[in-house]
Amino acid sequence: AAASFVLGQLVYLVWVAAMAMAEARRSKQRG
């Protein structure tokens, strides 16, 4: 259970980082 919880947190961290990078890329393209 603890391993699944930690794995879920890592997946969430990767998701947030990917969303932040995508937003930065969109922002850079718009100017």
PDB file of all heavy atoms in Angstrom:
ATOM      1  N   ALA A   1       0.838  -1.207   0.000  1.00  0.00           N
ATOM      2  CA  ALA A   1       0.000   0.000   0.000  1.00  0.00           C
ATOM      3  C   ALA A   1       0.871   1.254   0.000  1.00  0.00           C
ATOM      4  O   ALA A   1       0.605   2.204  -0.744  1.00  0.00           O
ATOM      5  CB  ALA A   1      -0.929  -0.003   1.205  1.00  0.00           C
ATOM      6  N   ALA A   2       1.916   1.267   0.817  1.00  0.00           N
ATOM      7  CA  ALA A   2       2.815   2.424   0.865  1.00  0.00           C
ATOM      8  C   ALA A   2       3.522   2.608  -0.473  1.00  0.00           C
ATOM      9  O   ALA A   2       3.668   3.739  -0.961  1.00  0.00           O
ATOM     10  CB  ALA A   2       3.826   2.258   1.992  1.00  0.00           C
ATOM     11  N   ALA A   3       3.946   1.512  -1.087  1.00  0.00           N
ATOM     12  CA  ALA A   3       4.613   1.598  -2.384  1.00  0.00           C
ATOM     13  C   ALA A   3       3.665   2.145  -3.451  1.00  0.00           C
ATOM     14  O   ALA A   3       4.063   2.976  -4.276  1.00  0.00           O
ATOM     15  CB  ALA A   3       5.144   0.224  -2.790  1.00  0.00           C
ATOM     16  N   SER A   4       2.410   1.711  -3.435  1.00  0.00           N
ATOM     17  CA  SER A   4       1.452   2.223  -4.412  1.00  0.00           C
ATOM     18  C   SER A   4       1.177   3.707  -4.174  1.00  0.00           C
ATOM     19  O   SER A   4       1.027   4.478  -5.129  1.00  0.00           O
ATOM     20  CB  SER A   4       0.150   1.430  -4.373  1.00  0.00           C
ATOM     21  OG  SER A   4      -0.574   1.707  -3.195  1.00  0.00           O
ATOM     22  N   PHE A   5       1.147   4.123  -2.916  1.00  0.00           N
ATOM     23  CA  PHE A   5       0.934   5.533  -2.592  1.00  0.00           C
ATOM     24  C   PHE A   5       2.100   6.386  -3.100  1.00  0.00           C
ATOM     25  O   PHE A   5       1.901   7.427  -3.724  1.00  0.00           O
ATOM     26  CB  PHE A   5       0.755   5.699  -1.080  1.00  0.00           C
ATOM     27  CG  PHE A   5       0.362   7.086  -0.672  1.00  0.00           C
ATOM     28  CD1 PHE A   5      -0.941   7.520  -0.833  1.00  0.00           C
ATOM     29  CD2 PHE A   5       1.289   7.943  -0.129  1.00  0.00           C
ATOM     30  CE1 PHE A   5      -1.307   8.800  -0.460  1.00  0.00           C
ATOM     31  CE2 PHE A   5       0.932   9.225   0.248  1.00  0.00           C
ATOM     32  CZ  PHE A   5      -0.374   9.653   0.080  1.00  0.00           C
ATOM     33  N   VAL A   6       3.322   5.941  -2.838  1.00  0.00           N
ATOM     34  CA  VAL A   6       4.507   6.675  -3.290  1.00  0.00           C
ATOM     35  C   VAL A   6       4.569   6.711  -4.811  1.00  0.00           C
ATOM     36  O   VAL A   6       4.879   7.752  -5.414  1.00  0.00           O
ATOM     37  CB  VAL A   6       5.793   6.057  -2.691  1.00  0.00           C
ATOM     38  CG1 VAL A   6       7.034   6.613  -3.342  1.00  0.00           C
ATOM     39  CG2 VAL A   6       5.830   6.286  -1.190  1.00  0.00           C
ATOM     40  N   LEU A   7       4.261   5.610  -5.450  1.00  0.00           N
ATOM     41  CA  LEU A   7       4.254   5.567  -6.912  1.00  0.00           C
ATOM     42  C   LEU A   7       3.219   6.543  -7.477  1.00  0.00           C
ATOM     43  O   LEU A   7       3.487   7.237  -8.473  1.00  0.00           O
ATOM     44  CB  LEU A   7       3.949   4.141  -7.387  1.00  0.00           C
ATOM     45  CG  LEU A   7       4.568   3.771  -8.698  1.00  0.00           C
ATOM     46  CD1 LEU A   7       6.053   3.502  -8.498  1.00  0.00           C
ATOM     47  CD2 LEU A   7       3.887   2.558  -9.250  1.00  0.00           C
ATOM     48  N   GLY A   8       2.068   6.617  -6.843  1.00  0.00           N
ATOM     49  CA  GLY A   8       1.042   7.570  -7.280  1.00  0.00           C
ATOM     50  C   GLY A   8       1.516   9.007  -7.138  1.00  0.00           C
ATOM     51  O   GLY A   8       1.249   9.851  -8.006  1.00  0.00           O
ATOM     52  N   GLN A   9       2.223   9.302  -6.062  1.00  0.00           N
ATOM     53  CA  GLN A   9       2.753  10.652  -5.871  1.00  0.00           C
ATOM     54  C   GLN A   9       3.768  10.995  -6.961  1.00  0.00           C
ATOM     55  O   GLN A   9       3.806  12.115  -7.455  1.00  0.00           O
ATOM     56  CB  GLN A   9       3.399  10.777  -4.489  1.00  0.00           C
ATOM     57  CG  GLN A   9       2.431  10.624  -3.342  1.00  0.00           C
ATOM     58  CD  GLN A   9       1.422  11.743  -3.276  1.00  0.00           C
ATOM     59  OE1 GLN A   9       1.749  12.891  -3.512  1.00  0.00           O
ATOM     60  NE2 GLN A   9       0.192  11.397  -2.951  1.00  0.00           N
ATOM     61  N   LEU A  10       4.606  10.030  -7.326  1.00  0.00           N
ATOM     62  CA  LEU A  10       5.589  10.262  -8.376  1.00  0.00           C
ATOM     63  C   LEU A  10       4.906  10.491  -9.724  1.00  0.00           C
ATOM     64  O   LEU A  10       5.326  11.355 -10.500  1.00  0.00           O
ATOM     65  CB  LEU A  10       6.567   9.098  -8.464  1.00  0.00           C
ATOM     66  CG  LEU A  10       7.533   8.966  -7.295  1.00  0.00           C
ATOM     67  CD1 LEU A  10       8.350   7.681  -7.426  1.00  0.00           C
ATOM     68  CD2 LEU A  10       8.439  10.173  -7.203  1.00  0.00           C
ATOM     69  N   VAL A  11       3.871   9.732 -10.005  1.00  0.00           N
ATOM     70  CA  VAL A  11       3.127   9.922 -11.250  1.00  0.00           C
ATOM     71  C   VAL A  11       2.508  11.318 -11.283  1.00  0.00           C
ATOM     72  O   VAL A  11       2.546  12.017 -12.298  1.00  0.00           O
ATOM     73  CB  VAL A  11       2.051   8.830 -11.417  1.00  0.00           C
ATOM     74  CG1 VAL A  11       1.076   9.167 -12.526  1.00  0.00           C
ATOM     75  CG2 VAL A  11       2.707   7.488 -11.666  1.00  0.00           C
ATOM     76  N   TYR A  12       1.959  11.756 -10.157  1.00  0.00           N
ATOM     77  CA  TYR A  12       1.366  13.094 -10.071  1.00  0.00           C
ATOM     78  C   TYR A  12       2.434  14.170 -10.278  1.00  0.00           C
ATOM     79  O   TYR A  12       2.199  15.159 -10.978  1.00  0.00           O
ATOM     80  CB  TYR A  12       0.682  13.280  -8.718  1.00  0.00           C
ATOM     81  CG  TYR A  12      -0.012  14.597  -8.581  1.00  0.00           C
ATOM     82  CD1 TYR A  12      -1.179  14.863  -9.287  1.00  0.00           C
ATOM     83  CD2 TYR A  12       0.488  15.589  -7.752  1.00  0.00           C
ATOM     84  CE1 TYR A  12      -1.827  16.069  -9.169  1.00  0.00           C
ATOM     85  CE2 TYR A  12      -0.156  16.804  -7.634  1.00  0.00           C
ATOM     86  CZ  TYR A  12      -1.316  17.034  -8.331  1.00  0.00           C
ATOM     87  OH  TYR A  12      -1.953  18.240  -8.220  1.00  0.00           O
ATOM     88  N   LEU A  13       3.609  13.979  -9.708  1.00  0.00           N
ATOM     89  CA  LEU A  13       4.701  14.936  -9.879  1.00  0.00           C
ATOM     90  C   LEU A  13       5.107  15.046 -11.345  1.00  0.00           C
ATOM     91  O   LEU A  13       5.292  16.152 -11.870  1.00  0.00           O
ATOM     92  CB  LEU A  13       5.899  14.517  -9.022  1.00  0.00           C
ATOM     93  CG  LEU A  13       7.137  15.394  -9.125  1.00  0.00           C
ATOM     94  CD1 LEU A  13       6.841  16.776  -8.563  1.00  0.00           C
ATOM     95  CD2 LEU A  13       8.283  14.754  -8.371  1.00  0.00           C
ATOM     96  N   VAL A  14       5.207  13.912 -12.024  1.00  0.00           N
ATOM     97  CA  VAL A  14       5.553  13.921 -13.447  1.00  0.00           C
ATOM     98  C   VAL A  14       4.458  14.618 -14.248  1.00  0.00           C
ATOM     99  O   VAL A  14       4.738  15.399 -15.165  1.00  0.00           O
ATOM    100  CB  VAL A  14       5.793  12.480 -13.957  1.00  0.00           C
ATOM    101  CG1 VAL A  14       5.871  12.424 -15.466  1.00  0.00           C
ATOM    102  CG2 VAL A  14       7.056  11.917 -13.322  1.00  0.00           C
ATOM    103  N   TRP A  15       3.204  14.365 -13.905  1.00  0.00           N
ATOM    104  CA  TRP A  15       2.086  15.000 -14.602  1.00  0.00           C
ATOM    105  C   TRP A  15       2.132  16.518 -14.449  1.00  0.00           C
ATOM    106  O   TRP A  15       1.985  17.258 -15.428  1.00  0.00           O
ATOM    107  CB  TRP A  15       0.764  14.456 -14.057  1.00  0.00           C
ATOM    108  CG  TRP A  15      -0.435  15.126 -14.638  1.00  0.00           C
ATOM    109  CD1 TRP A  15      -1.177  16.110 -14.076  1.00  0.00           C
ATOM    110  CD2 TRP A  15      -1.020  14.880 -15.916  1.00  0.00           C
ATOM    111  NE1 TRP A  15      -2.189  16.485 -14.913  1.00  0.00           N
ATOM    112  CE2 TRP A  15      -2.113  15.744 -16.055  1.00  0.00           C
ATOM    113  CE3 TRP A  15      -0.717  14.003 -16.945  1.00  0.00           C
ATOM    114  CZ2 TRP A  15      -2.910  15.765 -17.191  1.00  0.00           C
ATOM    115  CZ3 TRP A  15      -1.518  14.032 -18.075  1.00  0.00           C
ATOM    116  CH2 TRP A  15      -2.597  14.896 -18.185  1.00  0.00           C
ATOM    117  N   VAL A  16       2.359  17.005 -13.244  1.00  0.00           N
ATOM    118  CA  VAL A  16       2.420  18.447 -13.006  1.00  0.00           C
ATOM    119  C   VAL A  16       3.597  19.068 -13.758  1.00  0.00           C
ATOM    120  O   VAL A  16       3.469  20.139 -14.365  1.00  0.00           O
ATOM    121  CB  VAL A  16       2.504  18.747 -11.491  1.00  0.00           C
ATOM    122  CG1 VAL A  16       2.836  20.199 -11.233  1.00  0.00           C
ATOM    123  CG2 VAL A  16       1.200  18.376 -10.814  1.00  0.00           C
ATOM    124  N   ALA A  17       4.755  18.402 -13.748  1.00  0.00           N
ATOM    125  CA  ALA A  17       5.917  18.919 -14.466  1.00  0.00           C
ATOM    126  C   ALA A  17       5.646  18.979 -15.968  1.00  0.00           C
ATOM    127  O   ALA A  17       6.000  19.961 -16.633  1.00  0.00           O
ATOM    128  CB  ALA A  17       7.138  18.051 -14.173  1.00  0.00           C
ATOM    129  N   ALA A  18       4.998  17.958 -16.506  1.00  0.00           N
ATOM    130  CA  ALA A  18       4.681  17.945 -17.937  1.00  0.00           C
ATOM    131  C   ALA A  18       3.700  19.061 -18.283  1.00  0.00           C
ATOM    132  O   ALA A  18       3.844  19.728 -19.318  1.00  0.00           O
ATOM    133  CB  ALA A  18       4.113  16.587 -18.342  1.00  0.00           C
ATOM    134  N   MET A  19       2.708  19.282 -17.447  1.00  0.00           N
ATOM    135  CA  MET A  19       1.746  20.354 -17.689  1.00  0.00           C
ATOM    136  C   MET A  19       2.421  21.719 -17.609  1.00  0.00           C
ATOM    137  O   MET A  19       2.110  22.619 -18.406  1.00  0.00           O
ATOM    138  CB  MET A  19       0.590  20.273 -16.691  1.00  0.00           C
ATOM    139  CG  MET A  19      -0.252  19.021 -16.838  1.00  0.00           C
ATOM    140  SD  MET A  19      -1.040  18.889 -18.427  1.00  0.00           S
ATOM    141  CE  MET A  19      -2.292  20.116 -18.275  1.00  0.00           C
ATOM    142  N   ALA A  20       3.328  21.912 -16.668  1.00  0.00           N
ATOM    143  CA  ALA A  20       4.039  23.178 -16.550  1.00  0.00           C
ATOM    144  C   ALA A  20       4.924  23.428 -17.771  1.00  0.00           C
ATOM    145  O   ALA A  20       4.988  24.554 -18.286  1.00  0.00           O
ATOM    146  CB  ALA A  20       4.880  23.199 -15.273  1.00  0.00           C
ATOM    147  N   MET A  21       5.581  22.388 -18.243  1.00  0.00           N
ATOM    148  CA  MET A  21       6.425  22.540 -19.429  1.00  0.00           C
ATOM    149  C   MET A  21       5.572  22.846 -20.669  1.00  0.00           C
ATOM    150  O   MET A  21       5.951  23.679 -21.498  1.00  0.00           O
ATOM    151  CB  MET A  21       7.259  21.283 -19.656  1.00  0.00           C
ATOM    152  CG  MET A  21       8.396  21.158 -18.674  1.00  0.00           C
ATOM    153  SD  MET A  21       9.416  19.666 -18.774  1.00  0.00           S
ATOM    154  CE  MET A  21       9.197  19.020 -20.371  1.00  0.00           C
ATOM    155  N   ALA A  22       4.436  22.206 -20.789  1.00  0.00           N
ATOM    156  CA  ALA A  22       3.550  22.463 -21.933  1.00  0.00           C
ATOM    157  C   ALA A  22       3.020  23.892 -21.888  1.00  0.00           C
ATOM    158  O   ALA A  22       2.941  24.567 -22.922  1.00  0.00           O
ATOM    159  CB  ALA A  22       2.391  21.466 -21.940  1.00  0.00           C
ATOM    160  N   GLU A  23       2.672  24.369 -20.725  1.00  0.00           N
ATOM    161  CA  GLU A  23       2.187  25.746 -20.593  1.00  0.00           C
ATOM    162  C   GLU A  23       3.287  26.747 -20.916  1.00  0.00           C
ATOM    163  O   GLU A  23       3.042  27.756 -21.579  1.00  0.00           O
ATOM    164  CB  GLU A  23       1.648  25.983 -19.185  1.00  0.00           C
ATOM    165  CG  GLU A  23       1.129  27.383 -18.960  1.00  0.00           C
ATOM    166  CD  GLU A  23      -0.012  27.760 -19.895  1.00  0.00           C
ATOM    167  OE1 GLU A  23      -0.783  26.869 -20.291  1.00  0.00           O
ATOM    168  OE2 GLU A  23      -0.129  28.948 -20.230  1.00  0.00           O
ATOM    169  N   ALA A  24       4.508  26.462 -20.466  1.00  0.00           N
ATOM    170  CA  ALA A  24       5.631  27.347 -20.784  1.00  0.00           C
ATOM    171  C   ALA A  24       5.890  27.367 -22.285  1.00  0.00           C
ATOM    172  O   ALA A  24       6.162  28.425 -22.868  1.00  0.00           O
ATOM    173  CB  ALA A  24       6.881  26.902 -20.030  1.00  0.00           C
ATOM    174  N   ARG A  25       5.779  26.223 -22.936  1.00  0.00           N
ATOM    175  CA  ARG A  25       5.984  26.140 -24.373  1.00  0.00           C
ATOM    176  C   ARG A  25       4.894  26.920 -25.126  1.00  0.00           C
ATOM    177  O   ARG A  25       5.176  27.664 -26.050  1.00  0.00           O
ATOM    178  CB  ARG A  25       6.003  24.678 -24.813  1.00  0.00           C
ATOM    179  CG  ARG A  25       6.428  24.460 -26.227  1.00  0.00           C
ATOM    180  CD  ARG A  25       6.647  22.998 -26.603  1.00  0.00           C
ATOM    181  NE  ARG A  25       5.870  22.015 -25.874  1.00  0.00           N
ATOM    182  CZ  ARG A  25       6.370  21.190 -24.950  1.00  0.00           C
ATOM    183  NH1 ARG A  25       7.641  21.239 -24.632  1.00  0.00           N
ATOM    184  NH2 ARG A  25       5.593  20.305 -24.346  1.00  0.00           N
ATOM    185  N   ARG A  26       3.635  26.774 -24.688  1.00  0.00           N
ATOM    186  CA  ARG A  26       2.539  27.526 -25.310  1.00  0.00           C
ATOM    187  C   ARG A  26       2.727  29.020 -25.118  1.00  0.00           C
ATOM    188  O   ARG A  26       2.506  29.815 -26.018  1.00  0.00           O
ATOM    189  CB  ARG A  26       1.202  27.100 -24.714  1.00  0.00           C
ATOM    190  CG  ARG A  26       0.554  25.958 -25.419  1.00  0.00           C
ATOM    191  CD  ARG A  26      -0.896  25.810 -25.006  1.00  0.00           C
ATOM    192  NE  ARG A  26      -1.062  25.612 -23.579  1.00  0.00           N
ATOM    193  CZ  ARG A  26      -1.036  24.440 -22.974  1.00  0.00           C
ATOM    194  NH1 ARG A  26      -0.836  23.346 -23.677  1.00  0.00           N
ATOM    195  NH2 ARG A  26      -1.203  24.340 -21.677  1.00  0.00           N
ATOM    196  N   SER A  27       3.137  29.395 -23.919  1.00  0.00           N
ATOM    197  CA  SER A  27       3.345  30.807 -23.619  1.00  0.00           C
ATOM    198  C   SER A  27       4.469  31.384 -24.472  1.00  0.00           C
ATOM    199  O   SER A  27       4.380  32.510 -24.953  1.00  0.00           O
ATOM    200  CB  SER A  27       3.668  30.964 -22.136  1.00  0.00           C
ATOM    201  OG  SER A  27       3.944  32.299 -21.828  1.00  0.00           O
ATOM    202  N   LYS A  28       5.512  30.603 -24.667  1.00  0.00           N
ATOM    203  CA  LYS A  28       6.644  31.061 -25.473  1.00  0.00           C
ATOM    204  C   LYS A  28       6.246  31.200 -26.943  1.00  0.00           C
ATOM    205  O   LYS A  28       6.676  32.124 -27.623  1.00  0.00           O
ATOM    206  CB  LYS A  28       7.801  30.075 -25.326  1.00  0.00           C
ATOM    207  CG  LYS A  28       9.092  30.545 -25.919  1.00  0.00           C
ATOM    208  CD  LYS A  28      10.195  29.547 -25.617  1.00  0.00           C
ATOM    209  CE  LYS A  28      11.515  30.043 -26.157  1.00  0.00           C
ATOM    210  NZ  LYS A  28      12.596  29.084 -25.888  1.00  0.00           N
ATOM    211  N   GLN A  29       5.415  30.313 -27.444  1.00  0.00           N
ATOM    212  CA  GLN A  29       4.979  30.364 -28.837  1.00  0.00           C
ATOM    213  C   GLN A  29       4.058  31.549 -29.103  1.00  0.00           C
ATOM    214  O   GLN A  29       4.075  32.125 -30.181  1.00  0.00           O
ATOM    215  CB  GLN A  29       4.275  29.067 -29.227  1.00  0.00           C
ATOM    216  CG  GLN A  29       5.212  27.907 -29.377  1.00  0.00           C
ATOM    217  CD  GLN A  29       4.473  26.603 -29.648  1.00  0.00           C
ATOM    218  OE1 GLN A  29       3.254  26.522 -29.491  1.00  0.00           O
ATOM    219  NE2 GLN A  29       5.207  25.576 -30.029  1.00  0.00           N
ATOM    220  N   ARG A  30       3.240  31.902 -28.121  1.00  0.00           N
ATOM    221  CA  ARG A  30       2.322  33.035 -28.292  1.00  0.00           C
ATOM    222  C   ARG A  30       3.057  34.364 -28.281  1.00  0.00           C
ATOM    223  O   ARG A  30       2.629  35.303 -28.903  1.00  0.00           O
ATOM    224  CB  ARG A  30       1.285  33.040 -27.186  1.00  0.00           C
ATOM    225  CG  ARG A  30       0.209  32.009 -27.374  1.00  0.00           C
ATOM    226  CD  ARG A  30      -0.881  32.224 -26.391  1.00  0.00           C
ATOM    227  NE  ARG A  30      -0.331  32.144 -25.044  1.00  0.00           N
ATOM    228  CZ  ARG A  30      -0.929  31.597 -24.019  1.00  0.00           C
ATOM    229  NH1 ARG A  30      -2.110  31.085 -24.167  1.00  0.00           N
ATOM    230  NH2 ARG A  30      -0.368  31.560 -22.836  1.00  0.00           N
ATOM    231  N   GLY A  31       4.104  34.443 -27.503  1.00  0.00           N
ATOM    232  CA  GLY A  31       4.856  35.684 -27.414  1.00  0.00           C
ATOM    233  C   GLY A  31       4.423  36.498 -26.205  1.00  0.00           C
ATOM    234  O   GLY A  31       3.359  36.278 -25.631  1.00  0.00           O
TER     235      GLY A  31
END
